[in-house]
C-alpha atoms as a PDB file:
ATOM      1  CA  MET A   1      -6.737   8.921  13.590  1.00  0.00           C
ATOM      2  CA  THR A   2      -8.419  11.448  11.197  1.00  0.00           C
ATOM      3  CA  ALA A   3      -7.478  13.113   7.795  1.00  0.00           C
ATOM      4  CA  GLU A   4      -6.323  16.079  10.113  1.00  0.00           C
ATOM      5  CA  THR A   5      -3.871  13.789  12.114  1.00  0.00           C
ATOM      6  CA  PRO A   6      -0.291  14.910  11.206  1.00  0.00           C
ATOM      7  CA  VAL A   7       1.466  12.137   9.273  1.00  0.00           C
ATOM      8  CA  SER A   8       4.272  12.027  11.744  1.00  0.00           C
ATOM      9  CA  GLU A   9       1.848  10.870  14.421  1.00  0.00           C
ATOM     10  CA  TYR A  10       0.580   7.675  12.941  1.00  0.00           C
ATOM     11  CA  PRO A  11       1.323   4.802  15.428  1.00  0.00           C
ATOM     12  CA  ILE A  12       3.806   2.645  13.220  1.00  0.00           C
ATOM     13  CA  ILE A  13       6.754   0.528  14.453  1.00  0.00           C
ATOM     14  CA  THR A  14       9.947   2.894  14.696  1.00  0.00           C
ATOM     15  CA  VAL A  15      13.109   1.959  12.853  1.00  0.00           C
ATOM     16  CA  THR A  16      14.651   1.743  16.182  1.00  0.00           C
ATOM     17  CA  ASP A  17      12.950  -1.141  17.512  1.00  0.00           C
ATOM     18  CA  GLU A  18      15.681  -3.369  18.921  1.00  0.00           C
ATOM     19  CA  ARG A  19      14.606  -6.552  17.264  1.00  0.00           C
ATOM     20  CA  LEU A  20      15.656  -4.966  13.790  1.00  0.00           C
ATOM     21  CA  THR A  21      18.526  -5.862  12.001  1.00  0.00           C
ATOM     22  CA  ALA A  22      20.104  -2.921  10.136  1.00  0.00           C
ATOM     23  CA  GLU A  23      18.693  -4.240   6.742  1.00  0.00           C
ATOM     24  CA  GLN A  24      15.214  -4.629   8.418  1.00  0.00           C
ATOM     25  CA  ALA A  25      15.362  -1.151   9.637  1.00  0.00           C
ATOM     26  CA  ASP A  26      16.462   0.344   6.233  1.00  0.00           C
ATOM     27  CA  LEU A  27      13.556  -1.507   4.524  1.00  0.00           C
ATOM     28  CA  LEU A  28      10.985  -0.336   7.069  1.00  0.00           C
ATOM     29  CA  ALA A  29      12.483   3.302   6.990  1.00  0.00           C
ATOM     30  CA  GLU A  30      11.872   3.416   3.276  1.00  0.00           C
ATOM     31  CA  LEU A  31       8.372   1.810   3.390  1.00  0.00           C
ATOM     32  CA  ARG A  32       7.484   4.244   6.112  1.00  0.00           C
ATOM     33  CA  ALA A  33       8.617   7.074   3.837  1.00  0.00           C
ATOM     34  CA  ALA A  34       6.688   5.921   1.010  1.00  0.00           C
ATOM     35  CA  ARG A  35       3.539   5.723   3.264  1.00  0.00           C
ATOM     36  CA  HIS A  36       4.154   9.026   4.567  1.00  0.00           C
ATOM     37  CA  PHE A  37       3.962  10.507   0.932  1.00  0.00           C
ATOM     38  CA  LEU A  38       0.979   8.798   0.109  1.00  0.00           C
ATOM     39  CA  ARG A  39      -0.913   9.573   3.286  1.00  0.00           C
ATOM     40  CA  LEU A  40       0.258  13.253   2.873  1.00  0.00           C
ATOM     41  CA  THR A  41      -1.606  13.525  -0.495  1.00  0.00           C
ATOM     42  CA  ALA A  42      -4.915  13.030   1.813  1.00  0.00           C
ATOM     43  CA  ARG A  43      -4.067  15.701   4.448  1.00  0.00           C
ATOM     44  CA  ASP A  44      -7.017  18.001   5.043  1.00  0.00           C
ATOM     45  CA  LEU A  45      -9.354  16.344   2.524  1.00  0.00           C
ATOM     46  CA  ASP A  46     -13.013  15.737   3.031  1.00  0.00           C
ATOM     47  CA  ASP A  47     -14.570  12.539   2.059  1.00  0.00           C
ATOM     48  CA  GLU A  48     -15.895  14.044  -1.147  1.00  0.00           C
ATOM     49  CA  GLN A  49     -12.548  15.251  -2.296  1.00  0.00           C
ATOM     50  CA  ALA A  50     -10.942  12.058  -1.188  1.00  0.00           C
ATOM     51  CA  GLY A  51     -13.300  10.210  -3.760  1.00  0.00           C
ATOM     52  CA  ARG A  52     -12.959  12.785  -6.548  1.00  0.00           C
ATOM     53  CA  ARG A  53     -11.488  12.022 -10.025  1.00  0.00           C
ATOM     54  CA  THR A  54      -9.321  15.038 -11.306  1.00  0.00           C
ATOM     55  CA  THR A  55      -8.063  13.340 -14.290  1.00  0.00           C
ATOM     56  CA  VAL A  56      -9.261  11.179 -17.128  1.00  0.00           C
ATOM     57  CA  SER A  57      -8.317   8.166 -15.133  1.00  0.00           C
ATOM     58  CA  GLU A  58     -10.706   6.547 -12.652  1.00  0.00           C
ATOM     59  CA  LEU A  59      -8.229   7.108  -9.913  1.00  0.00           C
ATOM     60  CA  CYS A  60      -8.889   9.099  -6.871  1.00  0.00           C
ATOM     61  CA  ILE A  61      -6.852   9.454  -3.844  1.00  0.00           C
ATOM     62  CA  GLY A  62      -8.829   7.514  -1.326  1.00  0.00           C
ATOM     63  CA  GLY A  63      -9.240   4.740  -3.978  1.00  0.00           C
ATOM     64  CA  LEU A  64      -5.268   4.608  -4.389  1.00  0.00           C
ATOM     65  CA  ILE A  65      -5.041   4.555  -0.668  1.00  0.00           C
ATOM     66  CA  LYS A  66      -7.465   1.385  -0.599  1.00  0.00           C
ATOM     67  CA  HIS A  67      -5.481  -0.162  -3.441  1.00  0.00           C
ATOM     68  CA  VAL A  68      -2.197   0.111  -1.716  1.00  0.00           C
ATOM     69  CA  ILE A  69      -3.603  -1.312   1.343  1.00  0.00           C
ATOM     70  CA  SER A  70      -4.968  -4.447  -0.468  1.00  0.00           C
ATOM     71  CA  GLY A  71      -1.575  -4.775  -2.162  1.00  0.00           C
ATOM     72  CA  GLU A  72       0.339  -4.573   1.098  1.00  0.00           C
ATOM     73  CA  ARG A  73      -1.782  -6.835   2.965  1.00  0.00           C
ATOM     74  CA  THR A  74      -1.564  -9.487  -0.068  1.00  0.00           C
ATOM     75  CA  TRP A  75       2.246  -9.334  -0.429  1.00  0.00           C
ATOM     76  CA  ALA A  76       2.633  -9.502   3.215  1.00  0.00           C
ATOM     77  CA  THR A  77       0.442 -12.581   3.483  1.00  0.00           C
ATOM     78  CA  PHE A  78       2.786 -13.812   0.301  1.00  0.00           C
ATOM     79  CA  ILE A  79       5.780 -13.640   2.656  1.00  0.00           C
ATOM     80  CA  GLU A  80       4.165 -16.045   5.115  1.00  0.00           C
ATOM     81  CA  HIS A  81       2.026 -18.268   2.961  1.00  0.00           C
ATOM     82  CA  GLY A  82       3.401 -18.160  -0.623  1.00  0.00           C
ATOM     83  CA  PRO A  83       1.289 -18.142  -3.782  1.00  0.00           C
ATOM     84  CA  SER A  84      -2.025 -19.241  -1.838  1.00  0.00           C
ATOM     85  CA  ALA A  85      -2.265 -15.680  -0.555  1.00  0.00           C
ATOM     86  CA  MET A  86      -2.490 -14.379  -4.240  1.00  0.00           C
ATOM     87  CA  PRO A  87      -5.572 -14.091  -6.392  1.00  0.00           C
ATOM     88  CA  ASP A  88      -5.664 -16.673  -9.172  1.00  0.00           C
ATOM     89  CA  TRP A  89      -5.470 -14.259 -11.927  1.00  0.00           C
ATOM     90  CA  MET A  90      -5.521 -16.784 -14.738  1.00  0.00           C
ATOM     91  CA  SER A  91      -9.049 -17.845 -13.967  1.00  0.00           C
ATOM     92  CA  TRP A  92     -10.606 -14.397 -13.201  1.00  0.00           C
ATOM     93  CA  THR A  93     -14.058 -13.471 -14.606  1.00  0.00           C
ATOM     94  CA  GLU A  94     -15.508 -10.230 -15.563  1.00  0.00           C
ATOM     95  CA  ALA A  95     -17.036 -10.080 -11.965  1.00  0.00           C
ATOM     96  CA  ASP A  96     -13.535 -10.432 -10.447  1.00  0.00           C
ATOM     97  CA  TYR A  97     -12.182  -7.567 -12.541  1.00  0.00           C
ATOM     98  CA  LEU A  98     -15.032  -5.500 -11.715  1.00  0.00           C
ATOM     99  CA  ALA A  99     -14.806  -5.974  -7.757  1.00  0.00           C
ATOM    100  CA  ARG A 100     -11.019  -5.134  -8.249  1.00  0.00           C
ATOM    101  CA  ALA A 101     -12.093  -1.878  -9.821  1.00  0.00           C
ATOM    102  CA  ASP A 102     -13.847  -1.076  -6.450  1.00  0.00           C
ATOM    103  CA  GLN A 103     -10.428  -0.810  -4.830  1.00  0.00           C
ATOM    104  CA  PHE A 104      -9.807   2.288  -6.968  1.00  0.00           C
ATOM    105  CA  ARG A 105     -12.546   4.261  -5.820  1.00  0.00           C
ATOM    106  CA  MET A 106     -14.484   5.445  -2.840  1.00  0.00           C
ATOM    107  CA  LEU A 107     -17.655   3.628  -2.322  1.00  0.00           C
ATOM    108  CA  PRO A 108     -20.821   4.896  -0.750  1.00  0.00           C
ATOM    109  CA  GLY A 109     -20.485   4.786   2.931  1.00  0.00           C
ATOM    110  CA  GLU A 110     -16.550   4.598   2.945  1.00  0.00           C
ATOM    111  CA  THR A 111     -14.853   7.458   4.676  1.00  0.00           C
ATOM    112  CA  LEU A 112     -11.363   8.859   4.310  1.00  0.00           C
ATOM    113  CA  ASP A 113     -10.890   8.532   8.173  1.00  0.00           C
ATOM    114  CA  GLY A 114     -11.990   4.890   7.648  1.00  0.00           C
ATOM    115  CA  VAL A 115      -9.452   4.169   4.977  1.00  0.00           C
ATOM    116  CA  LEU A 116      -6.601   5.783   6.761  1.00  0.00           C
ATOM    117  CA  ALA A 117      -7.467   3.935   9.971  1.00  0.00           C
ATOM    118  CA  ASP A 118      -7.410   0.846   7.676  1.00  0.00           C
ATOM    119  CA  TYR A 119      -4.057   1.880   6.203  1.00  0.00           C
ATOM    120  CA  ALA A 120      -2.568   2.192   9.578  1.00  0.00           C
ATOM    121  CA  ASP A 121      -3.704  -1.330  10.685  1.00  0.00           C
ATOM    122  CA  ALA A 122      -2.164  -2.726   7.399  1.00  0.00           C
ATOM    123  CA  ALA A 123       0.958  -0.749   7.971  1.00  0.00           C
ATOM    124  CA  ARG A 124       1.359  -1.934  11.381  1.00  0.00           C
ATOM    125  CA  ALA A 125       0.753  -5.538  10.601  1.00  0.00           C
ATOM    126  CA  THR A 126       3.366  -5.524   7.802  1.00  0.00           C
ATOM    127  CA  ASP A 127       5.887  -3.761  10.103  1.00  0.00           C
ATOM    128  CA  GLU A 128       5.383  -6.306  12.715  1.00  0.00           C
ATOM    129  CA  LEU A 129       5.848  -9.073  10.097  1.00  0.00           C
ATOM    130  CA  VAL A 130       8.974  -7.716   8.815  1.00  0.00           C
ATOM    131  CA  ALA A 131      10.329  -6.933  12.359  1.00  0.00           C
ATOM    132  CA  GLY A 132       9.622 -10.655  13.310  1.00  0.00           C
ATOM    133  CA  LEU A 133      11.411 -12.264  10.309  1.00  0.00           C
ATOM    134  CA  SER A 134      14.562 -14.171  11.177  1.00  0.00           C
ATOM    135  CA  ASP A 135      15.734 -14.421   7.633  1.00  0.00           C
ATOM    136  CA  LEU A 136      14.962 -12.057   4.812  1.00  0.00           C
ATOM    137  CA  ASN A 137      16.102 -14.747   2.498  1.00  0.00           C
ATOM    138  CA  VAL A 138      13.133 -16.921   2.922  1.00  0.00           C
ATOM    139  CA  SER A 139      11.856 -17.513  -0.400  1.00  0.00           C
ATOM    140  CA  GLN A 140       8.297 -18.121  -1.941  1.00  0.00           C
ATOM    141  CA  PRO A 141       7.147 -19.557  -5.315  1.00  0.00           C
ATOM    142  CA  LEU A 142       5.245 -16.846  -7.407  1.00  0.00           C
ATOM    143  CA  PRO A 143       2.001 -17.595  -8.711  1.00  0.00           C
ATOM    144  CA  PRO A 144       1.361 -18.004 -12.405  1.00  0.00           C
ATOM    145  CA  ALA A 145       0.778 -14.735 -14.095  1.00  0.00           C
ATOM    146  CA  PRO A 146       1.777 -13.235 -17.281  1.00  0.00           C
ATOM    147  CA  TRP A 147       3.847 -10.505 -15.512  1.00  0.00           C
ATOM    148  CA  PHE A 148       6.093 -13.132 -13.375  1.00  0.00           C
ATOM    149  CA  THR A 149       8.722 -15.173 -14.749  1.00  0.00           C
ATOM    150  CA  ALA A 150       7.536 -18.687 -14.859  1.00  0.00           C
ATOM    151  CA  GLY A 151       8.871 -20.797 -12.059  1.00  0.00           C
ATOM    152  CA  GLY A 152      10.058 -17.687 -10.286  1.00  0.00           C
ATOM    153  CA  SER A 153      10.297 -17.027  -6.506  1.00  0.00           C
ATOM    154  CA  TRP A 154      10.654 -13.831  -4.467  1.00  0.00           C
ATOM    155  CA  THR A 155      12.480 -13.519  -1.174  1.00  0.00           C
ATOM    156  CA  ALA A 156      11.018 -11.694   1.699  1.00  0.00           C
ATOM    157  CA  ARG A 157      13.387  -8.829   0.939  1.00  0.00           C
ATOM    158  CA  ARG A 158      12.478  -8.713  -2.640  1.00  0.00           C
ATOM    159  CA  THR A 159       8.759  -8.774  -1.658  1.00  0.00           C
ATOM    160  CA  VAL A 160       9.328  -5.708   0.747  1.00  0.00           C
ATOM    161  CA  LEU A 161      11.141  -3.944  -1.902  1.00  0.00           C
ATOM    162  CA  HIS A 162       7.964  -4.512  -4.183  1.00  0.00           C
ATOM    163  CA  ILE A 163       5.696  -3.183  -1.278  1.00  0.00           C
ATOM    164  CA  ILE A 164       7.901  -0.021  -1.275  1.00  0.00           C
ATOM    165  CA  ALA A 165       7.883   0.392  -5.060  1.00  0.00           C
ATOM    166  CA  GLU A 166       4.152   0.029  -5.385  1.00  0.00           C
ATOM    167  CA  THR A 167       3.468   2.504  -2.592  1.00  0.00           C
ATOM    168  CA  THR A 168       5.938   5.075  -4.080  1.00  0.00           C
ATOM    169  CA  GLN A 169       4.361   4.471  -7.486  1.00  0.00           C
ATOM    170  CA  HIS A 170       0.810   5.121  -6.234  1.00  0.00           C
ATOM    171  CA  ALA A 171       2.114   8.061  -3.960  1.00  0.00           C
ATOM    172  CA  GLY A 172       3.141   9.879  -7.175  1.00  0.00           C
ATOM    173  CA  HIS A 173      -0.494   9.002  -8.733  1.00  0.00           C
ATOM    174  CA  ALA A 174      -1.873  10.432  -5.726  1.00  0.00           C
ATOM    175  CA  ASP A 175       0.052  13.497  -5.843  1.00  0.00           C
ATOM    176  CA  ILE A 176      -0.847  14.324  -9.382  1.00  0.00           C
ATOM    177  CA  ILE A 177      -4.429  13.890  -8.466  1.00  0.00           C
ATOM    178  CA  ARG A 178      -4.086  15.961  -5.255  1.00  0.00           C
ATOM    179  CA  GLU A 179      -2.426  18.775  -7.453  1.00  0.00           C
ATOM    180  CA  ALA A 180      -5.411  18.891  -9.931  1.00  0.00           C
ATOM    181  CA  LEU A 181      -7.737  18.764  -7.168  1.00  0.00           C
ATOM    182  CA  ASP A 182      -6.687  21.835  -5.249  1.00  0.00           C
ATOM    183  CA  GLY A 183      -3.145  22.754  -6.211  1.00  0.00           C
ATOM    184  CA  ALA A 184      -1.544  21.181  -2.965  1.00  0.00           C
ATOM    185  CA  LYS A 185       1.599  19.224  -3.453  1.00  0.00           C
ATOM    186  CA  SER A 186       3.506  16.629  -1.311  1.00  0.00           C
ATOM    187  CA  MET A 187       6.871  18.184  -1.940  1.00  0.00           C
ATOM    188  CA  GLY A 188       8.068  21.476  -3.545  1.00  0.00           C
END
């Protein structure tokens, strides 16, 4: 799989898998569409372009994809293992925040091909997890964080919806960066 691989050829679970309920198929179809548009922003880029900032933001296309990979893996693990899968944000140090910032940029030695391959692996794992769930109502308590309601919990369904929302939001960011890079757009 390379940056030149057509996005329709990524080997991700199909929404016609017989294990899926209609709801699982709908969730995975929407997640697959969001992933498609994020990957589409990386089409035909080289490593330097994937790591280039085109706005005042620190964001680049490769870094946004890395961030989405990390988020998707964390939230998928949350579905299975609950808040132990999440960072302990309340006790983070400056070093923790600096390390997190590396998610948003291409680091020396990283390649777009490698990032896209990692994304395909993360997507495949999440899709398999969702396909294997017998109940989307299974719920996990949310970890302590200022952005979560204290004592709240999320179902597997709500968590997958969150992965979709995050992927879609970052696909929009990546589209702006790509348009500023060379005028290419994901849509329109």
